[in-house]
Amino acid sequence: MPSPTSRSASGTAGGKCRVMVVDDSAVIRGFFRRALEADPGLEVVASVGNGQAAIDSLKRNPVDVIVLDIEMPVMDGMTAIPKLLEVDPDVRIVMASTLTLANAEISMKALSIGATDYIPKPTTSADIHSSEWFGRELVEKVTGLGKSARRKKTKLVAAKPAPEKQGSTLYSDPITLRTAAILPAQVVAIGSSTGGPQALMKVLEQLGSDFPNPILITQHMPATFTGILAEHVSKAAGIPAAEAKDGEPVKPRRIYIAPGDWHMTVEATDQGPVIRLNQNPPENFCRPAVDVMLRGMAEVYGGRLLVEIMTGMGHDGLDGGRTIIKQGGTMIAQDEQSSVVWGMPGAVATAGLCSAVIPLDQIAAKIRSISGRAAA
């Protein structure tokens, strides 16, 4: 009898994305099912009330994506994550939690032990009935993760690495690379979404606490989460990191994170560049949006700006990236093999905007190189 993993790789690759919903509330499970199955490409094949039931179900019936609650009887979500990944290492897990500081911290820990993404869930019947935005976001996340998971499972069998000099990634057609800017970069901008928190921690840890240039990060996250993200980033990088504040100066050896629900950009002043925050309409359904950050930074820094686009769904960063290149800046992107979802980095890479498309573990060294800083 084939293992769940092998069946998942073959049995779900062609048809609908198979989803399991795990929540101790029957009302929430029903809401999730209705929202998901309104999309013809999604099928909820299991709906259970705790982590142990999810493990038992996954052993019998493979799925592509699991939407997993945090707090449940018998076995909670945090306990279940590593056990689910033991059954199928390739399954994508989306944590569903209410927007509290405690749950934001737990969700960050969940990402560090194997969860793929997170989504804030409605807490009352009134919230459920008024949460059209939630249903759309749930469907988008599950659809994107399901497609990514099945595409990788299919391509792993036949993938043949192309020579690095062609600018290729493991899974993609050859990519045209640009020459990096002549001047060393004096500031770094990073855009990321799905899979971003884990990737950010690795890059910033490898970059080293001696890296002097300011770093601005737009990560697609709710407001409650970005403060927690800043704390984790500061610990990983060994550099002061915090949610950005409107009007604060951009200083060396600082990491600025766009607060959830606020666009972050930079403005030139007589005293030097300062952070600007606004709540203009979302772009690419996102606030904060990477495009907003990049357009403002391109005007201020021009050819002295280095942009890294990391794992994430959609194409946020593509339009702003075009502005970066027109202003003489440099872009690099995470490659497909190391990305959870190769949407955002794939968009800028295939558009020919990048000077490098590289694995996650090479990004820090490339940032130091383009910034004129030798590896520590």
Protein backbone atom coordinates (compact mmCIF):
# COMPACT_ATOMS: atom_id res chain seq x y z
CA MET A 1 0.00 0.00 0.00
CA PRO A 2 1.51 3.38 -0.98
CA SER A 3 2.33 5.89 1.73
CA PRO A 4 0.16 8.98 2.17
CA THR A 5 3.00 11.07 0.79
CA SER A 6 3.35 9.08 -2.42
CA ARG A 7 -0.40 9.00 -2.92
CA SER A 8 -0.55 12.73 -2.31
CA ALA A 9 2.13 13.36 -4.88
CA SER A 10 0.29 11.44 -7.59
CA GLY A 11 -3.34 11.24 -6.60
CA THR A 12 -3.93 14.95 -6.03
CA ALA A 13 -1.65 16.43 -8.65
CA GLY A 14 -4.22 16.65 -11.42
CA GLY A 15 -7.67 17.27 -9.91
CA LYS A 16 -9.05 19.55 -7.27
CA CYS A 17 -6.98 20.74 -4.34
CA ARG A 18 -7.83 18.48 -1.42
CA VAL A 19 -8.33 20.21 1.93
CA MET A 20 -8.79 19.14 5.55
CA VAL A 21 -10.44 21.50 8.04
CA VAL A 22 -9.54 21.05 11.73
CA ASP A 23 -11.43 23.08 14.36
CA ASP A 24 -13.31 22.15 17.52
CA SER A 25 -16.20 24.47 16.54
CA ALA A 26 -18.71 22.85 14.20
CA VAL A 27 -19.89 26.35 13.23
CA ILE A 28 -16.39 27.40 12.15
CA ARG A 29 -15.81 24.11 10.32
CA GLY A 30 -19.06 24.60 8.43
CA PHE A 31 -18.12 28.17 7.54
CA PHE A 32 -14.70 27.06 6.32
CA ARG A 33 -16.24 24.28 4.22
CA ARG A 34 -18.78 26.58 2.58
CA ALA A 35 -16.16 29.23 1.83
CA LEU A 36 -13.71 26.72 0.39
CA GLU A 37 -16.13 24.67 -1.67
CA ALA A 38 -17.57 27.80 -3.25
CA ASP A 39 -14.39 27.61 -5.34
CA PRO A 40 -14.65 24.85 -7.96
CA GLY A 41 -10.97 24.04 -7.63
CA LEU A 42 -11.18 23.12 -3.93
CA GLU A 43 -12.61 20.06 -2.22
CA VAL A 44 -12.92 19.61 1.54
CA VAL A 45 -12.32 15.88 1.97
CA ALA A 46 -12.14 15.84 5.78
CA SER A 47 -13.55 17.98 8.59
CA VAL A 48 -12.52 17.02 12.13
CA GLY A 49 -12.54 18.52 15.62
CA ASN A 50 -9.02 18.02 17.02
CA GLY A 51 -5.41 17.34 16.17
CA GLN A 52 -5.49 13.61 16.87
CA ALA A 53 -8.47 13.15 14.57
CA ALA A 54 -6.57 15.10 11.91
CA ILE A 55 -3.58 12.77 12.18
CA ASP A 56 -5.79 9.70 11.93
CA SER A 57 -7.60 11.15 8.93
CA LEU A 58 -4.39 12.11 7.11
CA LYS A 59 -3.10 8.54 7.44
CA ARG A 60 -6.19 7.33 5.58
CA ASN A 61 -6.80 10.15 3.11
CA PRO A 62 -4.02 12.39 1.72
CA VAL A 63 -4.67 16.10 1.33
CA ASP A 64 -2.74 19.04 -0.07
CA VAL A 65 -3.62 21.66 2.56
CA ILE A 66 -4.76 21.52 6.19
CA VAL A 67 -6.50 24.48 7.82
CA LEU A 68 -5.65 23.97 11.49
CA ASP A 69 -7.02 25.63 14.62
CA ILE A 70 -4.67 26.37 17.52
CA GLU A 71 -6.77 25.68 20.62
CA MET A 72 -8.62 22.33 20.59
CA PRO A 73 -9.38 19.52 23.05
CA VAL A 74 -7.63 16.12 22.92
CA MET A 75 -4.72 17.53 20.88
CA ASP A 76 -4.10 21.19 20.06
CA GLY A 77 -2.73 22.55 16.82
CA MET A 78 0.83 23.13 18.02
CA THR A 79 1.14 19.53 19.18
CA ALA A 80 -0.37 18.25 15.97
CA ILE A 81 1.89 20.08 13.50
CA PRO A 82 5.02 17.89 13.79
CA LYS A 83 2.90 14.74 13.93
CA LEU A 84 1.02 15.70 10.76
CA LEU A 85 4.31 16.41 9.01
CA GLU A 86 5.57 12.98 10.05
CA VAL A 87 2.64 11.48 8.16
CA ASP A 88 3.15 13.71 5.10
CA PRO A 89 6.17 16.03 5.07
CA ASP A 90 4.85 17.83 1.99
CA VAL A 91 1.41 18.80 3.29
CA ARG A 92 0.83 22.55 3.67
CA ILE A 93 -0.58 23.70 7.03
CA VAL A 94 -2.43 26.99 7.46
CA MET A 95 -2.93 28.04 11.08
CA ALA A 96 -6.31 29.66 11.82
CA SER A 97 -6.39 31.82 14.93
CA THR A 98 -8.08 34.84 16.43
CA LEU A 99 -6.16 38.11 16.39
CA THR A 100 -4.82 38.21 19.93
CA LEU A 101 -1.24 38.85 20.97
CA ALA A 102 -1.05 35.39 22.53
CA ASN A 103 -2.26 33.70 19.35
CA ALA A 104 0.06 35.84 17.22
CA GLU A 105 3.01 34.59 19.27
CA ILE A 106 1.79 31.00 19.02
CA SER A 107 1.30 31.34 15.27
CA MET A 108 4.87 32.59 14.87
CA LYS A 109 6.09 29.56 16.79
CA ALA A 110 3.90 27.35 14.61
CA LEU A 111 5.60 28.73 11.52
CA SER A 112 8.98 27.90 13.01
CA ILE A 113 8.05 24.23 13.48
CA GLY A 114 6.55 23.61 10.06
CA ALA A 115 3.27 25.48 9.54
CA THR A 116 3.22 27.22 6.18
CA ASP A 117 0.92 30.18 6.69
CA TYR A 118 -1.68 31.67 9.02
CA ILE A 119 -5.05 33.33 8.74
CA PRO A 120 -7.04 35.29 11.34
CA LYS A 121 -10.43 33.69 11.81
CA PRO A 122 -13.77 35.23 12.80
CA THR A 123 -14.76 34.66 16.42
CA THR A 124 -18.53 35.21 16.50
CA SER A 125 -21.54 34.39 14.34
CA ALA A 126 -21.82 38.08 13.46
CA ASP A 127 -18.19 38.11 12.35
CA ILE A 128 -18.75 35.02 10.23
CA HIS A 129 -21.69 36.50 8.37
CA SER A 130 -19.87 39.79 7.74
CA SER A 131 -16.52 38.25 6.82
CA GLU A 132 -16.62 38.10 3.03
CA TRP A 133 -12.99 39.28 3.08
CA PHE A 134 -12.06 36.29 5.23
CA GLY A 135 -13.60 33.80 2.84
CA ARG A 136 -11.75 35.38 -0.08
CA GLU A 137 -8.44 35.35 1.77
CA LEU A 138 -8.96 31.75 2.91
CA VAL A 139 -9.69 30.58 -0.63
CA GLU A 140 -6.70 32.49 -2.05
CA LYS A 141 -4.28 31.09 0.51
CA VAL A 142 -5.49 27.49 0.22
CA THR A 143 -5.62 27.62 -3.58
CA GLY A 144 -2.14 29.09 -3.86
CA LEU A 145 -0.60 26.66 -1.40
CA GLY A 146 -2.38 23.70 -2.95
CA LYS A 147 -1.17 24.53 -6.44
CA SER A 148 2.35 25.16 -5.21
CA ALA A 149 2.48 21.91 -3.26
CA ARG A 150 1.21 19.80 -6.15
CA ARG A 151 3.44 21.53 -8.69
CA LYS A 152 6.53 20.86 -6.60
CA LYS A 153 5.56 17.24 -5.97
CA THR A 154 5.09 16.69 -9.69
CA LYS A 155 8.27 18.47 -10.77
CA LEU A 156 10.53 16.89 -8.18
CA VAL A 157 10.36 13.67 -10.17
CA ALA A 158 11.52 15.14 -13.46
CA ALA A 159 13.42 18.29 -12.50
CA LYS A 160 16.85 18.79 -14.05
CA PRO A 161 18.91 21.70 -12.74
CA ALA A 162 20.04 24.16 -15.39
CA PRO A 163 23.50 25.75 -15.27
CA GLU A 164 23.58 28.71 -12.89
CA LYS A 165 25.11 30.95 -15.58
CA GLN A 166 21.83 30.73 -17.53
CA GLY A 167 20.02 32.35 -14.65
CA SER A 168 17.78 29.37 -14.11
CA THR A 169 16.17 27.89 -11.04
CA LEU A 170 15.60 24.20 -10.50
CA TYR A 171 12.02 24.24 -11.75
CA SER A 172 11.80 27.18 -14.11
CA ASP A 173 12.67 27.99 -17.68
CA PRO A 174 15.84 30.06 -18.18
CA ILE A 175 15.62 33.57 -16.76
CA THR A 176 17.31 36.64 -18.21
CA LEU A 177 19.51 38.31 -15.59
CA ARG A 178 20.52 41.96 -15.40
CA THR A 179 23.84 43.47 -14.38
CA ALA A 180 23.78 44.77 -10.82
CA ALA A 181 24.16 48.49 -10.18
CA ILE A 182 27.71 49.82 -10.20
CA LEU A 183 27.47 51.67 -6.89
CA PRO A 184 27.32 49.59 -3.68
CA ALA A 185 23.85 49.51 -2.16
CA GLN A 186 23.38 51.68 0.91
CA VAL A 187 19.94 50.39 1.91
CA VAL A 188 18.09 47.06 1.57
CA ALA A 189 14.37 46.54 0.97
CA ILE A 190 12.79 43.10 1.42
CA GLY A 191 9.31 42.04 0.32
CA SER A 192 7.75 38.73 1.34
CA SER A 193 4.47 36.97 2.04
CA THR A 194 3.64 33.26 2.38
CA GLY A 195 6.62 31.49 3.93
CA GLY A 196 8.26 34.86 4.54
CA PRO A 197 8.70 34.85 8.32
CA GLN A 198 10.78 31.66 8.27
CA ALA A 199 12.80 32.83 5.28
CA LEU A 200 13.40 36.26 6.83
CA MET A 201 14.77 34.75 10.03
CA LYS A 202 17.27 32.64 8.11
CA VAL A 203 18.50 35.45 5.86
CA LEU A 204 18.82 38.02 8.65
CA GLU A 205 20.60 35.59 10.93
CA GLN A 206 23.10 34.79 8.17
CA LEU A 207 23.50 38.45 7.27
CA GLY A 208 25.13 39.04 10.64
CA SER A 209 24.83 41.61 13.40
CA ASP A 210 27.68 43.63 11.87
CA PHE A 211 25.71 44.48 8.72
CA PRO A 212 25.46 48.29 8.87
CA ASN A 213 22.92 49.21 6.20
CA PRO A 214 19.30 49.92 7.13
CA ILE A 215 16.81 47.22 6.14
CA LEU A 216 13.14 47.90 5.38
CA ILE A 217 10.75 44.93 5.31
CA THR A 218 7.20 44.65 4.04
CA GLN A 219 5.76 41.27 5.04
CA HIS A 220 2.08 40.60 4.37
CA MET A 221 0.73 40.22 7.92
CA PRO A 222 -2.16 41.40 10.09
CA ALA A 223 -1.56 44.26 12.52
CA THR A 224 -1.32 42.07 15.61
CA PHE A 225 1.38 39.93 14.02
CA THR A 226 3.90 42.49 12.82
CA GLY A 227 4.96 43.56 16.31
CA ILE A 228 5.64 39.93 17.21
CA LEU A 229 7.51 39.49 13.92
CA ALA A 230 9.73 42.47 14.79
CA GLU A 231 10.68 40.88 18.11
CA HIS A 232 11.63 37.61 16.43
CA VAL A 233 13.53 39.42 13.68
CA SER A 234 15.55 41.41 16.21
CA LYS A 235 16.57 38.23 18.02
CA ALA A 236 17.51 36.45 14.78
CA ALA A 237 19.45 39.36 13.29
CA GLY A 238 21.14 40.72 16.40
CA ILE A 239 20.14 44.15 15.06
CA PRO A 240 17.46 46.44 16.53
CA ALA A 241 14.15 45.80 14.75
CA ALA A 242 10.72 47.30 15.30
CA GLU A 243 7.51 48.26 13.58
CA ALA A 244 8.19 51.46 11.69
CA LYS A 245 6.84 54.78 12.98
CA ASP A 246 5.73 57.65 10.80
CA GLY A 247 8.39 60.37 10.60
CA GLU A 248 11.26 58.44 12.17
CA PRO A 249 14.63 58.75 10.42
CA VAL A 250 16.11 55.85 8.48
CA LYS A 251 19.29 55.02 10.38
CA PRO A 252 22.16 52.56 9.80
CA ARG A 253 22.02 49.18 11.52
CA ARG A 254 18.25 49.27 11.97
CA ILE A 255 15.46 47.06 10.67
CA TYR A 256 12.10 48.70 9.97
CA ILE A 257 9.00 46.50 9.52
CA ALA A 258 5.83 47.82 7.93
CA PRO A 259 3.04 47.68 10.54
CA GLY A 260 0.06 45.54 9.64
CA ASP A 261 -2.68 47.53 7.85
CA TRP A 262 -0.27 50.40 7.05
CA HIS A 263 1.70 51.03 3.87
CA MET A 264 5.34 51.95 4.55
CA THR A 265 7.45 54.11 2.29
CA VAL A 266 10.34 56.60 2.53
CA GLU A 267 10.48 60.34 1.95
CA ALA A 268 13.51 62.57 1.45
CA THR A 269 13.82 65.53 3.84
CA ASP A 270 16.48 68.13 4.55
CA GLN A 271 17.49 66.04 7.57
CA GLY A 272 17.70 62.83 5.53
CA PRO A 273 15.31 59.99 4.59
CA VAL A 274 12.37 59.37 6.95
CA ILE A 275 9.74 56.66 7.20
CA ARG A 276 6.22 57.50 6.04
CA LEU A 277 3.16 55.42 6.87
CA ASN A 278 -0.27 55.74 5.28
CA GLN A 279 -3.54 53.91 4.98
CA ASN A 280 -4.14 54.53 1.31
CA PRO A 281 -6.20 51.82 -0.40
CA PRO A 282 -4.70 48.30 -0.51
CA GLU A 283 -2.65 47.39 -3.56
CA ASN A 284 -2.68 43.81 -4.82
CA PHE A 285 -5.29 43.28 -2.06
CA CYS A 286 -2.50 44.04 0.43
CA ARG A 287 -1.83 46.70 3.05
CA PRO A 288 1.08 46.91 3.63
CA ALA A 289 2.08 46.42 0.00
CA VAL A 290 5.59 45.87 -1.32
CA ASP A 291 4.90 47.98 -4.42
CA VAL A 292 4.17 51.04 -2.28
CA MET A 293 7.43 50.64 -0.36
CA LEU A 294 9.50 50.16 -3.49
CA ARG A 295 8.13 53.14 -5.40
CA GLY A 296 8.95 55.53 -2.56
CA MET A 297 12.38 54.05 -1.93
CA ALA A 298 13.28 54.19 -5.63
CA GLU A 299 12.76 57.94 -5.66
CA VAL A 300 14.91 58.47 -2.58
CA TYR A 301 17.75 55.99 -3.10
CA GLY A 302 17.90 55.35 -6.86
CA GLY A 303 20.91 53.22 -7.78
CA ARG A 304 21.96 52.78 -4.15
CA LEU A 305 18.95 50.54 -3.37
CA LEU A 306 19.03 46.74 -3.24
CA VAL A 307 15.70 44.88 -3.25
CA GLU A 308 15.18 41.23 -2.31
CA ILE A 309 11.82 39.63 -3.19
CA MET A 310 11.18 36.47 -1.22
CA THR A 311 8.62 33.69 -1.12
CA GLY A 312 4.99 34.73 -1.41
CA MET A 313 1.78 34.44 -3.41
CA GLY A 314 0.73 36.90 -6.07
CA HIS A 315 2.87 39.53 -7.78
CA ASP A 316 3.25 42.30 -5.19
CA GLY A 317 6.62 43.90 -5.88
CA LEU A 318 6.48 43.58 -9.66
CA ASP A 319 5.27 47.09 -10.48
CA GLY A 320 7.46 48.65 -7.80
CA GLY A 321 10.35 46.54 -9.07
CA ARG A 322 10.02 48.05 -12.53
CA THR A 323 10.38 51.48 -10.92
CA ILE A 324 13.47 50.29 -9.04
CA ILE A 325 15.15 49.21 -12.27
CA LYS A 326 14.26 52.46 -14.06
CA GLN A 327 15.91 54.36 -11.21
CA GLY A 328 19.07 52.25 -11.46
CA GLY A 329 18.60 50.02 -8.42
CA THR A 330 19.26 46.30 -8.12
CA MET A 331 16.83 43.43 -7.51
CA ILE A 332 17.42 39.83 -6.51
CA ALA A 333 14.87 37.08 -5.92
CA GLN A 334 14.57 33.82 -4.03
CA ASP A 335 14.55 30.83 -6.36
CA GLU A 336 11.61 28.50 -6.88
CA GLN A 337 13.08 25.45 -5.19
CA SER A 338 13.57 27.18 -1.85
CA SER A 339 10.35 29.23 -1.94
CA VAL A 340 7.16 28.03 -0.28
CA VAL A 341 5.26 29.79 -3.09
CA TRP A 342 7.10 31.18 -6.10
CA GLY A 343 4.59 33.90 -6.90
CA MET A 344 6.16 37.20 -5.88
CA PRO A 345 9.78 36.22 -6.60
CA GLY A 346 8.73 34.41 -9.77
CA ALA A 347 6.96 37.52 -11.06
CA VAL A 348 10.04 39.74 -10.83
CA ALA A 349 12.40 36.98 -11.98
CA THR A 350 10.49 36.08 -15.13
CA ALA A 351 10.01 39.77 -15.93
CA GLY A 352 13.80 40.06 -16.28
CA LEU A 353 14.20 42.52 -13.39
CA CYS A 354 16.70 40.54 -11.31
CA SER A 355 20.48 40.38 -11.13
CA ALA A 356 20.33 37.06 -9.29
CA VAL A 357 17.72 34.35 -8.65
CA ILE A 358 19.20 32.21 -5.91
CA PRO A 359 18.41 29.74 -3.11
CA LEU A 360 17.49 30.99 0.34
CA ASP A 361 20.83 30.01 1.86
CA GLN A 362 22.74 32.19 -0.63
CA ILE A 363 20.73 35.39 -0.24
CA ALA A 364 22.60 36.86 2.73
CA ALA A 365 25.97 36.50 1.02
CA LYS A 366 24.59 38.11 -2.14
CA ILE A 367 23.20 41.04 -0.15
CA ARG A 368 26.58 41.60 1.49
CA SER A 369 28.33 41.38 -1.86
CA ILE A 370 26.08 43.89 -3.61
CA SER A 371 26.30 46.16 -0.57
CA GLY A 372 30.10 46.11 -0.81
CA ARG A 373 30.41 44.22 2.49
CA ALA A 374 32.62 41.15 2.60
CA ALA A 375 31.13 38.07 4.21
CA ALA A 376 31.67 37.94 7.94
